[in-house]
Amino acid sequence: MAKTTVRDVGLADFSAAVLERSHAVPVVVDFWAPWCRPCLTLGPILERLADEANGAWELVKVNTDQEPEIATRYSIQGIPAVKGFRDGKLISEFVGVVPERSIRAFLDGLIPSGADRLATEAQVKMAAGDKQGAESLFQEALRQQKDHAGAALGLAELLLERGDQDGARELLEALPPGSEESRQAAGILKRLKFSAEAASLPSREAGEAALAAHPHDLEAIWTVAMHAAAAGNHAKALSGFLHIAEMDRRFKDDGGRKAMLDIFTILGPDHELSMEFRPRLAGALH
């Protein structure tokens, strides 16, 4: 067996060598430094296991002395630190020299399972417009691994498209907490919450008419903002809910603030609307 080539990567090529490459094959990153004795113990073990894997995953090394920006970005507090990436995301990690059986278990969790491969193939079909084929593959992935987060999230999206909100909600609420998929699911569940609330209110047109006649009517503002949120017009919804939070915190039990927080969950913390309206909400509350 040919010896695996281990790459040293830095800031300039980390994205390509780790994040982009991990879409094709899992990538293990060994954060180390030449002065670190435990690093010199762990490094050869990882290299030997990479040889045994014969391309099932790839090993790269980051010298934290030479690449402090990468170390800071990934919150490296102690070395050796090992992080495993797949599909552009950090999947698992450990710190320090651990028993080889623990390293092998870490690697087993990183290498795609049959359910992982099915879910990935389903995503490809869904992107190509083959929704029926994608649904079959997501269902098969869940038969193989009932708690597979990616398959559950993908299937829930398909169910929502055809109006099966109850089926989608059941899948999303069952996702294990802490995963990236569960955070996405939280956003989708908030969207469903807005849709259900909007359906219980007067129509959007009725709300707009009431607001035109009475610009400070909180019920009218709430109705218009709720319909905007249900339709995905988050800028309009946030403006309305902020107005409510500024006018009356008691309205619907601080409903304006709570609705804004739900929209922030849908958008994510880095969305431009989240970054614009969070400080405006904070200002309104103080």
C-alpha atoms as a PDB file:
ATOM      1  CA  MET A   1       0.000   0.000   0.000  1.00  0.00           C
ATOM      2  CA  ALA A   2       1.370   3.414  -0.947  1.00  0.00           C
ATOM      3  CA  LYS A   3       1.933   5.790   1.932  1.00  0.00           C
ATOM      4  CA  THR A   4      -0.705   8.513   2.183  1.00  0.00           C
ATOM      5  CA  THR A   5       0.520  12.018   1.445  1.00  0.00           C
ATOM      6  CA  VAL A   6      -0.377  14.373   4.309  1.00  0.00           C
ATOM      7  CA  ARG A   7      -0.806  18.019   3.346  1.00  0.00           C
ATOM      8  CA  ASP A   8       0.148  21.000   5.461  1.00  0.00           C
ATOM      9  CA  VAL A   9      -2.503  23.663   4.883  1.00  0.00           C
ATOM     10  CA  GLY A  10      -2.735  27.330   5.765  1.00  0.00           C
ATOM     11  CA  LEU A  11      -5.141  30.199   5.508  1.00  0.00           C
ATOM     12  CA  ALA A  12      -4.704  30.534   1.742  1.00  0.00           C
ATOM     13  CA  ASP A  13      -5.730  26.956   0.924  1.00  0.00           C
ATOM     14  CA  PHE A  14      -7.773  25.839   3.954  1.00  0.00           C
ATOM     15  CA  SER A  15     -11.115  26.460   2.265  1.00  0.00           C
ATOM     16  CA  ALA A  16     -10.198  24.488  -0.858  1.00  0.00           C
ATOM     17  CA  ALA A  17      -8.269  21.701   0.881  1.00  0.00           C
ATOM     18  CA  VAL A  18     -10.755  21.170   3.711  1.00  0.00           C
ATOM     19  CA  LEU A  19     -14.203  22.692   3.231  1.00  0.00           C
ATOM     20  CA  GLU A  20     -14.537  22.242  -0.533  1.00  0.00           C
ATOM     21  CA  ARG A  21     -12.661  18.929  -0.614  1.00  0.00           C
ATOM     22  CA  SER A  22     -14.887  17.514   2.136  1.00  0.00           C
ATOM     23  CA  HIS A  23     -17.816  17.511  -0.290  1.00  0.00           C
ATOM     24  CA  ALA A  24     -15.995  14.721  -2.148  1.00  0.00           C
ATOM     25  CA  VAL A  25     -14.353  12.855   0.735  1.00  0.00           C
ATOM     26  CA  PRO A  26     -14.211  13.410   4.526  1.00  0.00           C
ATOM     27  CA  VAL A  27     -11.237  15.496   5.650  1.00  0.00           C
ATOM     28  CA  VAL A  28      -9.554  15.181   9.049  1.00  0.00           C
ATOM     29  CA  VAL A  29      -7.626  18.236  10.260  1.00  0.00           C
ATOM     30  CA  ASP A  30      -4.838  17.745  12.799  1.00  0.00           C
ATOM     31  CA  PHE A  31      -4.121  21.033  14.603  1.00  0.00           C
ATOM     32  CA  TRP A  32      -0.604  20.740  16.027  1.00  0.00           C
ATOM     33  CA  ALA A  33       2.677  22.552  16.758  1.00  0.00           C
ATOM     34  CA  PRO A  34       6.289  21.301  16.616  1.00  0.00           C
ATOM     35  CA  TRP A  35       6.904  21.923  20.341  1.00  0.00           C
ATOM     36  CA  CYS A  36       3.829  19.893  21.406  1.00  0.00           C
ATOM     37  CA  ARG A  37       4.935  16.413  22.544  1.00  0.00           C
ATOM     38  CA  PRO A  38       1.402  14.916  22.527  1.00  0.00           C
ATOM     39  CA  CYS A  39       1.069  16.181  18.956  1.00  0.00           C
ATOM     40  CA  LEU A  40       4.170  14.234  17.984  1.00  0.00           C
ATOM     41  CA  THR A  41       2.567  11.129  19.498  1.00  0.00           C
ATOM     42  CA  LEU A  42      -0.827  11.538  17.862  1.00  0.00           C
ATOM     43  CA  GLY A  43       0.366  12.610  14.416  1.00  0.00           C
ATOM     44  CA  PRO A  44       1.932   9.274  13.391  1.00  0.00           C
ATOM     45  CA  ILE A  45      -1.152   7.387  14.589  1.00  0.00           C
ATOM     46  CA  LEU A  46      -3.392   9.507  12.389  1.00  0.00           C
ATOM     47  CA  GLU A  47      -1.024   9.058   9.442  1.00  0.00           C
ATOM     48  CA  ARG A  48      -1.024   5.269   9.887  1.00  0.00           C
ATOM     49  CA  LEU A  49      -4.820   5.183  10.042  1.00  0.00           C
ATOM     50  CA  ALA A  50      -5.001   7.377   6.932  1.00  0.00           C
ATOM     51  CA  ASP A  51      -2.766   4.821   5.161  1.00  0.00           C
ATOM     52  CA  GLU A  52      -5.121   2.027   6.240  1.00  0.00           C
ATOM     53  CA  ALA A  53      -8.160   3.986   5.020  1.00  0.00           C
ATOM     54  CA  ASN A  54      -6.709   4.031   1.498  1.00  0.00           C
ATOM     55  CA  GLY A  55      -8.520   7.204   0.461  1.00  0.00           C
ATOM     56  CA  ALA A  56     -11.759   6.760   2.417  1.00  0.00           C
ATOM     57  CA  TRP A  57     -10.809   9.996   4.190  1.00  0.00           C
ATOM     58  CA  GLU A  58      -7.965  12.495   3.910  1.00  0.00           C
ATOM     59  CA  LEU A  59      -5.647  13.946   6.533  1.00  0.00           C
ATOM     60  CA  VAL A  60      -4.315  17.501   6.567  1.00  0.00           C
ATOM     61  CA  LYS A  61      -2.286  19.301   9.213  1.00  0.00           C
ATOM     62  CA  VAL A  62      -2.430  22.880  10.479  1.00  0.00           C
ATOM     63  CA  ASN A  63       0.540  24.277  12.404  1.00  0.00           C
ATOM     64  CA  THR A  64      -1.189  26.542  14.931  1.00  0.00           C
ATOM     65  CA  ASP A  65       1.993  28.579  15.474  1.00  0.00           C
ATOM     66  CA  GLN A  66       2.088  29.468  11.792  1.00  0.00           C
ATOM     67  CA  GLU A  67      -1.681  29.735  11.301  1.00  0.00           C
ATOM     68  CA  PRO A  68      -3.131  31.511  14.367  1.00  0.00           C
ATOM     69  CA  GLU A  69      -6.096  32.884  12.381  1.00  0.00           C
ATOM     70  CA  ILE A  70      -7.335  29.392  11.519  1.00  0.00           C
ATOM     71  CA  ALA A  71      -6.793  28.294  15.123  1.00  0.00           C
ATOM     72  CA  THR A  72      -8.865  31.245  16.342  1.00  0.00           C
ATOM     73  CA  ARG A  73     -11.600  30.635  13.769  1.00  0.00           C
ATOM     74  CA  TYR A  74     -12.041  27.055  15.016  1.00  0.00           C
ATOM     75  CA  SER A  75     -11.681  27.913  18.730  1.00  0.00           C
ATOM     76  CA  ILE A  76      -8.521  25.876  19.291  1.00  0.00           C
ATOM     77  CA  GLN A  77      -7.835  26.062  23.032  1.00  0.00           C
ATOM     78  CA  GLY A  78      -5.449  23.140  23.328  1.00  0.00           C
ATOM     79  CA  ILE A  79      -3.494  20.866  21.022  1.00  0.00           C
ATOM     80  CA  PRO A  80      -3.460  18.350  19.547  1.00  0.00           C
ATOM     81  CA  ALA A  81      -6.982  19.083  18.362  1.00  0.00           C
ATOM     82  CA  VAL A  82      -8.547  16.966  15.632  1.00  0.00           C
ATOM     83  CA  LYS A  83     -11.611  18.030  13.651  1.00  0.00           C
ATOM     84  CA  GLY A  84     -13.478  16.045  11.017  1.00  0.00           C
ATOM     85  CA  PHE A  85     -15.261  17.731   8.111  1.00  0.00           C
ATOM     86  CA  ARG A  86     -17.819  16.360   5.667  1.00  0.00           C
ATOM     87  CA  ASP A  87     -19.945  18.182   3.097  1.00  0.00           C
ATOM     88  CA  GLY A  88     -18.314  21.464   4.050  1.00  0.00           C
ATOM     89  CA  LYS A  89     -19.301  21.182   7.719  1.00  0.00           C
ATOM     90  CA  LEU A  90     -17.576  20.282  10.964  1.00  0.00           C
ATOM     91  CA  ILE A  91     -18.988  16.870  11.914  1.00  0.00           C
ATOM     92  CA  SER A  92     -17.022  15.789  14.982  1.00  0.00           C
ATOM     93  CA  GLU A  93     -13.855  16.532  16.933  1.00  0.00           C
ATOM     94  CA  PHE A  94     -11.653  15.561  19.855  1.00  0.00           C
ATOM     95  CA  VAL A  95      -8.770  17.095  21.805  1.00  0.00           C
ATOM     96  CA  GLY A  96      -5.641  15.422  23.129  1.00  0.00           C
ATOM     97  CA  VAL A  97      -4.157  11.977  22.668  1.00  0.00           C
ATOM     98  CA  VAL A  98      -6.953   9.438  23.017  1.00  0.00           C
ATOM     99  CA  PRO A  99      -6.894   5.618  22.682  1.00  0.00           C
ATOM    100  CA  GLU A 100      -6.727   4.301  19.135  1.00  0.00           C
ATOM    101  CA  ARG A 101     -10.127   2.635  19.493  1.00  0.00           C
ATOM    102  CA  SER A 102     -11.604   6.071  20.230  1.00  0.00           C
ATOM    103  CA  ILE A 103      -9.920   7.526  17.150  1.00  0.00           C
ATOM    104  CA  ARG A 104     -11.320   4.688  15.028  1.00  0.00           C
ATOM    105  CA  ALA A 105     -14.809   5.358  16.429  1.00  0.00           C
ATOM    106  CA  PHE A 106     -14.372   9.049  15.557  1.00  0.00           C
ATOM    107  CA  LEU A 107     -13.417   8.079  11.996  1.00  0.00           C
ATOM    108  CA  ASP A 108     -16.300   5.597  11.672  1.00  0.00           C
ATOM    109  CA  GLY A 109     -18.691   8.433  12.501  1.00  0.00           C
ATOM    110  CA  LEU A 110     -17.100  10.643   9.875  1.00  0.00           C
ATOM    111  CA  ILE A 111     -17.222   8.242   6.938  1.00  0.00           C
ATOM    112  CA  PRO A 112     -20.617   8.408   5.184  1.00  0.00           C
ATOM    113  CA  SER A 113     -23.032   5.592   6.020  1.00  0.00           C
ATOM    114  CA  GLY A 114     -25.433   4.021   3.564  1.00  0.00           C
ATOM    115  CA  ALA A 115     -28.118   6.424   4.802  1.00  0.00           C
ATOM    116  CA  ASP A 116     -25.746   9.350   4.281  1.00  0.00           C
ATOM    117  CA  ARG A 117     -25.145   8.329   0.676  1.00  0.00           C
ATOM    118  CA  LEU A 118     -28.858   7.903   0.024  1.00  0.00           C
ATOM    119  CA  ALA A 119     -29.631  11.333   1.479  1.00  0.00           C
ATOM    120  CA  THR A 120     -26.906  12.929  -0.626  1.00  0.00           C
ATOM    121  CA  GLU A 121     -28.244  11.247  -3.773  1.00  0.00           C
ATOM    122  CA  ALA A 122     -31.740  12.431  -2.852  1.00  0.00           C
ATOM    123  CA  GLN A 123     -30.513  16.014  -2.577  1.00  0.00           C
ATOM    124  CA  VAL A 124     -29.029  15.742  -6.065  1.00  0.00           C
ATOM    125  CA  LYS A 125     -32.337  14.457  -7.436  1.00  0.00           C
ATOM    126  CA  MET A 126     -34.269  17.185  -5.650  1.00  0.00           C
ATOM    127  CA  ALA A 127     -31.978  19.861  -7.126  1.00  0.00           C
ATOM    128  CA  ALA A 128     -32.579  18.341 -10.569  1.00  0.00           C
ATOM    129  CA  GLY A 129     -36.346  18.518 -10.093  1.00  0.00           C
ATOM    130  CA  ASP A 130     -36.934  14.783  -9.560  1.00  0.00           C
ATOM    131  CA  LYS A 131     -38.985  15.170  -6.389  1.00  0.00           C
ATOM    132  CA  GLN A 132     -40.529  11.709  -6.548  1.00  0.00           C
ATOM    133  CA  GLY A 133     -37.108  10.068  -6.828  1.00  0.00           C
ATOM    134  CA  ALA A 134     -35.782  12.262  -4.019  1.00  0.00           C
ATOM    135  CA  GLU A 135     -38.680  11.348  -1.747  1.00  0.00           C
ATOM    136  CA  SER A 136     -38.113   7.609  -2.296  1.00  0.00           C
ATOM    137  CA  LEU A 137     -34.431   7.948  -1.445  1.00  0.00           C
ATOM    138  CA  PHE A 138     -35.092  10.051   1.665  1.00  0.00           C
ATOM    139  CA  GLN A 139     -37.606   7.437   2.855  1.00  0.00           C
ATOM    140  CA  GLU A 140     -35.125   4.618   2.257  1.00  0.00           C
ATOM    141  CA  ALA A 141     -32.449   6.547   4.166  1.00  0.00           C
ATOM    142  CA  LEU A 142     -34.844   6.896   7.101  1.00  0.00           C
ATOM    143  CA  ARG A 143     -35.656   3.182   6.955  1.00  0.00           C
ATOM    144  CA  GLN A 144     -31.939   2.477   7.298  1.00  0.00           C
ATOM    145  CA  GLN A 145     -31.402   5.144   9.967  1.00  0.00           C
ATOM    146  CA  LYS A 146     -34.602   6.469  11.489  1.00  0.00           C
ATOM    147  CA  ASP A 147     -32.909   9.483  13.106  1.00  0.00           C
ATOM    148  CA  HIS A 148     -30.965  10.593  10.015  1.00  0.00           C
ATOM    149  CA  ALA A 149     -31.253  14.380  10.277  1.00  0.00           C
ATOM    150  CA  GLY A 150     -30.465  15.223   6.655  1.00  0.00           C
ATOM    151  CA  ALA A 151     -33.004  12.769   5.268  1.00  0.00           C
ATOM    152  CA  ALA A 152     -35.685  13.928   7.712  1.00  0.00           C
ATOM    153  CA  LEU A 153     -35.106  17.568   6.825  1.00  0.00           C
ATOM    154  CA  GLY A 154     -35.139  16.874   3.079  1.00  0.00           C
ATOM    155  CA  LEU A 155     -38.309  14.802   3.271  1.00  0.00           C
ATOM    156  CA  ALA A 156     -39.982  17.451   5.428  1.00  0.00           C
ATOM    157  CA  GLU A 157     -39.258  20.082   2.779  1.00  0.00           C
ATOM    158  CA  LEU A 158     -40.914  17.904   0.130  1.00  0.00           C
ATOM    159  CA  LEU A 159     -43.941  17.281   2.342  1.00  0.00           C
ATOM    160  CA  LEU A 160     -44.320  21.011   2.945  1.00  0.00           C
ATOM    161  CA  GLU A 161     -44.273  21.676  -0.790  1.00  0.00           C
ATOM    162  CA  ARG A 162     -47.329  19.491  -1.258  1.00  0.00           C
ATOM    163  CA  GLY A 163     -49.122  20.864   1.785  1.00  0.00           C
ATOM    164  CA  ASP A 164     -48.588  18.045   4.277  1.00  0.00           C
ATOM    165  CA  GLN A 165     -47.739  20.295   7.211  1.00  0.00           C
ATOM    166  CA  ASP A 166     -48.567  17.677   9.857  1.00  0.00           C
ATOM    167  CA  GLY A 167     -46.221  15.118   8.291  1.00  0.00           C
ATOM    168  CA  ALA A 168     -43.455  17.684   7.964  1.00  0.00           C
ATOM    169  CA  ARG A 169     -43.914  18.893  11.535  1.00  0.00           C
ATOM    170  CA  GLU A 170     -43.688  15.337  12.887  1.00  0.00           C
ATOM    171  CA  LEU A 171     -40.367  14.790  11.121  1.00  0.00           C
ATOM    172  CA  LEU A 172     -38.919  18.148  12.148  1.00  0.00           C
ATOM    173  CA  GLU A 173     -39.902  17.899  15.803  1.00  0.00           C
ATOM    174  CA  ALA A 174     -38.220  14.474  16.037  1.00  0.00           C
ATOM    175  CA  LEU A 175     -34.804  15.759  14.929  1.00  0.00           C
ATOM    176  CA  PRO A 176     -32.111  15.382  17.612  1.00  0.00           C
ATOM    177  CA  PRO A 177     -31.108  18.743  19.122  1.00  0.00           C
ATOM    178  CA  GLY A 178     -27.729  20.317  18.486  1.00  0.00           C
ATOM    179  CA  SER A 179     -27.313  19.463  14.819  1.00  0.00           C
ATOM    180  CA  GLU A 180     -27.212  21.966  11.986  1.00  0.00           C
ATOM    181  CA  GLU A 181     -30.311  20.264  10.604  1.00  0.00           C
ATOM    182  CA  SER A 182     -32.166  20.826  13.888  1.00  0.00           C
ATOM    183  CA  ARG A 183     -31.369  24.539  13.672  1.00  0.00           C
ATOM    184  CA  GLN A 184     -32.755  24.614  10.139  1.00  0.00           C
ATOM    185  CA  ALA A 185     -35.777  22.666  11.337  1.00  0.00           C
ATOM    186  CA  ALA A 186     -36.386  25.266  14.048  1.00  0.00           C
ATOM    187  CA  GLY A 187     -36.655  27.908  11.342  1.00  0.00           C
ATOM    188  CA  ILE A 188     -39.107  25.819   9.299  1.00  0.00           C
ATOM    189  CA  LEU A 189     -41.242  25.159  12.394  1.00  0.00           C
ATOM    190  CA  LYS A 190     -41.388  28.898  13.033  1.00  0.00           C
ATOM    191  CA  ARG A 191     -42.592  29.383   9.433  1.00  0.00           C
ATOM    192  CA  LEU A 192     -45.350  26.838  10.069  1.00  0.00           C
ATOM    193  CA  LYS A 193     -46.270  28.695  13.239  1.00  0.00           C
ATOM    194  CA  PHE A 194     -46.645  31.947  11.304  1.00  0.00           C
ATOM    195  CA  SER A 195     -48.756  30.228   8.639  1.00  0.00           C
ATOM    196  CA  ALA A 196     -51.094  28.751  11.239  1.00  0.00           C
ATOM    197  CA  GLU A 197     -51.449  32.075  13.049  1.00  0.00           C
ATOM    198  CA  ALA A 198     -52.086  33.975   9.808  1.00  0.00           C
ATOM    199  CA  ALA A 199     -54.774  31.475   8.796  1.00  0.00           C
ATOM    200  CA  SER A 200     -56.671  32.235  12.019  1.00  0.00           C
ATOM    201  CA  LEU A 201     -56.706  36.003  11.363  1.00  0.00           C
ATOM    202  CA  PRO A 202     -58.687  38.195   8.974  1.00  0.00           C
ATOM    203  CA  SER A 203     -57.348  38.123   5.414  1.00  0.00           C
ATOM    204  CA  ARG A 204     -54.313  40.132   4.387  1.00  0.00           C
ATOM    205  CA  GLU A 205     -56.558  42.437   2.360  1.00  0.00           C
ATOM    206  CA  ALA A 206     -58.831  43.034   5.331  1.00  0.00           C
ATOM    207  CA  GLY A 207     -55.832  43.777   7.512  1.00  0.00           C
ATOM    208  CA  GLU A 208     -54.401  46.228   4.989  1.00  0.00           C
ATOM    209  CA  ALA A 209     -57.761  48.014   4.736  1.00  0.00           C
ATOM    210  CA  ALA A 210     -58.077  48.254   8.522  1.00  0.00           C
ATOM    211  CA  LEU A 211     -54.523  49.581   8.796  1.00  0.00           C
ATOM    212  CA  ALA A 212     -55.152  52.207   6.124  1.00  0.00           C
ATOM    213  CA  ALA A 213     -58.183  53.432   8.062  1.00  0.00           C
ATOM    214  CA  HIS A 214     -56.511  53.240  11.494  1.00  0.00           C
ATOM    215  CA  PRO A 215     -52.669  53.397  11.209  1.00  0.00           C
ATOM    216  CA  HIS A 216     -52.143  52.856  14.957  1.00  0.00           C
ATOM    217  CA  ASP A 217     -54.528  49.906  15.346  1.00  0.00           C
ATOM    218  CA  LEU A 218     -52.359  47.184  16.867  1.00  0.00           C
ATOM    219  CA  GLU A 219     -54.671  44.393  15.737  1.00  0.00           C
ATOM    220  CA  ALA A 220     -54.438  45.623  12.145  1.00  0.00           C
ATOM    221  CA  ILE A 221     -50.654  45.975  12.364  1.00  0.00           C
ATOM    222  CA  TRP A 222     -50.456  42.446  13.814  1.00  0.00           C
ATOM    223  CA  THR A 223     -52.623  40.986  11.061  1.00  0.00           C
ATOM    224  CA  VAL A 224     -50.613  42.610   8.274  1.00  0.00           C
ATOM    225  CA  ALA A 225     -47.269  41.670   9.853  1.00  0.00           C
ATOM    226  CA  MET A 226     -48.377  38.074  10.463  1.00  0.00           C
ATOM    227  CA  HIS A 227     -49.486  37.611   6.856  1.00  0.00           C
ATOM    228  CA  ALA A 228     -46.183  39.126   5.705  1.00  0.00           C
ATOM    229  CA  ALA A 229     -44.249  36.677   7.885  1.00  0.00           C
ATOM    230  CA  ALA A 230     -46.280  33.727   6.573  1.00  0.00           C
ATOM    231  CA  ALA A 231     -45.566  34.853   2.995  1.00  0.00           C
ATOM    232  CA  GLY A 232     -41.831  35.234   3.647  1.00  0.00           C
ATOM    233  CA  ASN A 233     -41.848  39.043   3.429  1.00  0.00           C
ATOM    234  CA  HIS A 234     -39.653  39.311   6.489  1.00  0.00           C
ATOM    235  CA  ALA A 235     -38.681  42.964   6.124  1.00  0.00           C
ATOM    236  CA  LYS A 236     -42.328  44.055   6.211  1.00  0.00           C
ATOM    237  CA  ALA A 237     -43.115  41.644   9.034  1.00  0.00           C
ATOM    238  CA  LEU A 238     -40.209  42.825  11.163  1.00  0.00           C
ATOM    239  CA  SER A 239     -41.180  46.466  10.661  1.00  0.00           C
ATOM    240  CA  GLY A 240     -44.719  45.751  11.815  1.00  0.00           C
ATOM    241  CA  PHE A 241     -43.737  43.651  14.813  1.00  0.00           C
ATOM    242  CA  LEU A 242     -41.129  46.243  15.840  1.00  0.00           C
ATOM    243  CA  HIS A 243     -43.823  48.935  15.768  1.00  0.00           C
ATOM    244  CA  ILE A 244     -45.945  46.801  18.078  1.00  0.00           C
ATOM    245  CA  ALA A 245     -43.012  46.213  20.457  1.00  0.00           C
ATOM    246  CA  GLU A 246     -42.398  49.964  20.583  1.00  0.00           C
ATOM    247  CA  MET A 247     -46.066  50.801  21.204  1.00  0.00           C
ATOM    248  CA  ASP A 248     -47.204  48.174  23.690  1.00  0.00           C
ATOM    249  CA  ARG A 249     -45.168  45.310  25.183  1.00  0.00           C
ATOM    250  CA  ARG A 250     -48.350  43.920  26.757  1.00  0.00           C
ATOM    251  CA  PHE A 251     -50.068  43.392  23.405  1.00  0.00           C
ATOM    252  CA  LYS A 252     -50.497  39.632  22.919  1.00  0.00           C
ATOM    253  CA  ASP A 253     -48.115  39.007  25.817  1.00  0.00           C
ATOM    254  CA  ASP A 254     -45.139  40.824  24.274  1.00  0.00           C
ATOM    255  CA  GLY A 255     -46.110  39.363  20.916  1.00  0.00           C
ATOM    256  CA  GLY A 256     -44.192  41.867  18.800  1.00  0.00           C
ATOM    257  CA  ARG A 257     -40.851  41.016  20.402  1.00  0.00           C
ATOM    258  CA  LYS A 258     -41.497  37.269  20.376  1.00  0.00           C
ATOM    259  CA  ALA A 259     -42.500  37.313  16.713  1.00  0.00           C
ATOM    260  CA  MET A 260     -39.306  39.183  15.819  1.00  0.00           C
ATOM    261  CA  LEU A 261     -37.228  36.579  17.650  1.00  0.00           C
ATOM    262  CA  ASP A 262     -39.011  33.842  15.692  1.00  0.00           C
ATOM    263  CA  ILE A 263     -38.111  35.581  12.430  1.00  0.00           C
ATOM    264  CA  PHE A 264     -34.492  35.879  13.535  1.00  0.00           C
ATOM    265  CA  THR A 265     -34.547  32.097  14.029  1.00  0.00           C
ATOM    266  CA  ILE A 266     -35.864  31.623  10.497  1.00  0.00           C
ATOM    267  CA  LEU A 267     -33.285  33.961   8.946  1.00  0.00           C
ATOM    268  CA  GLY A 268     -30.256  33.049  11.049  1.00  0.00           C
ATOM    269  CA  PRO A 269     -28.019  35.449  12.993  1.00  0.00           C
ATOM    270  CA  ASP A 270     -25.926  36.536  10.006  1.00  0.00           C
ATOM    271  CA  HIS A 271     -28.792  37.552   7.707  1.00  0.00           C
ATOM    272  CA  GLU A 272     -28.784  41.259   6.884  1.00  0.00           C
ATOM    273  CA  LEU A 273     -32.300  41.713   8.253  1.00  0.00           C
ATOM    274  CA  SER A 274     -31.349  40.051  11.543  1.00  0.00           C
ATOM    275  CA  MET A 275     -28.342  42.333  11.843  1.00  0.00           C
ATOM    276  CA  GLU A 276     -30.479  45.378  11.014  1.00  0.00           C
ATOM    277  CA  PHE A 277     -33.447  44.674  13.282  1.00  0.00           C
ATOM    278  CA  ARG A 278     -31.773  43.139  16.352  1.00  0.00           C
ATOM    279  CA  PRO A 279     -30.257  46.441  17.490  1.00  0.00           C
ATOM    280  CA  ARG A 280     -33.497  48.253  16.623  1.00  0.00           C
ATOM    281  CA  LEU A 281     -35.417  45.812  18.814  1.00  0.00           C
ATOM    282  CA  ALA A 282     -32.878  46.225  21.616  1.00  0.00           C
ATOM    283  CA  GLY A 283     -33.310  49.987  21.383  1.00  0.00           C
ATOM    284  CA  ALA A 284     -37.074  49.667  21.547  1.00  0.00           C
ATOM    285  CA  LEU A 285     -36.892  47.557  24.694  1.00  0.00           C
ATOM    286  CA  HIS A 286     -34.673  49.949  26.638  1.00  0.00           C
END
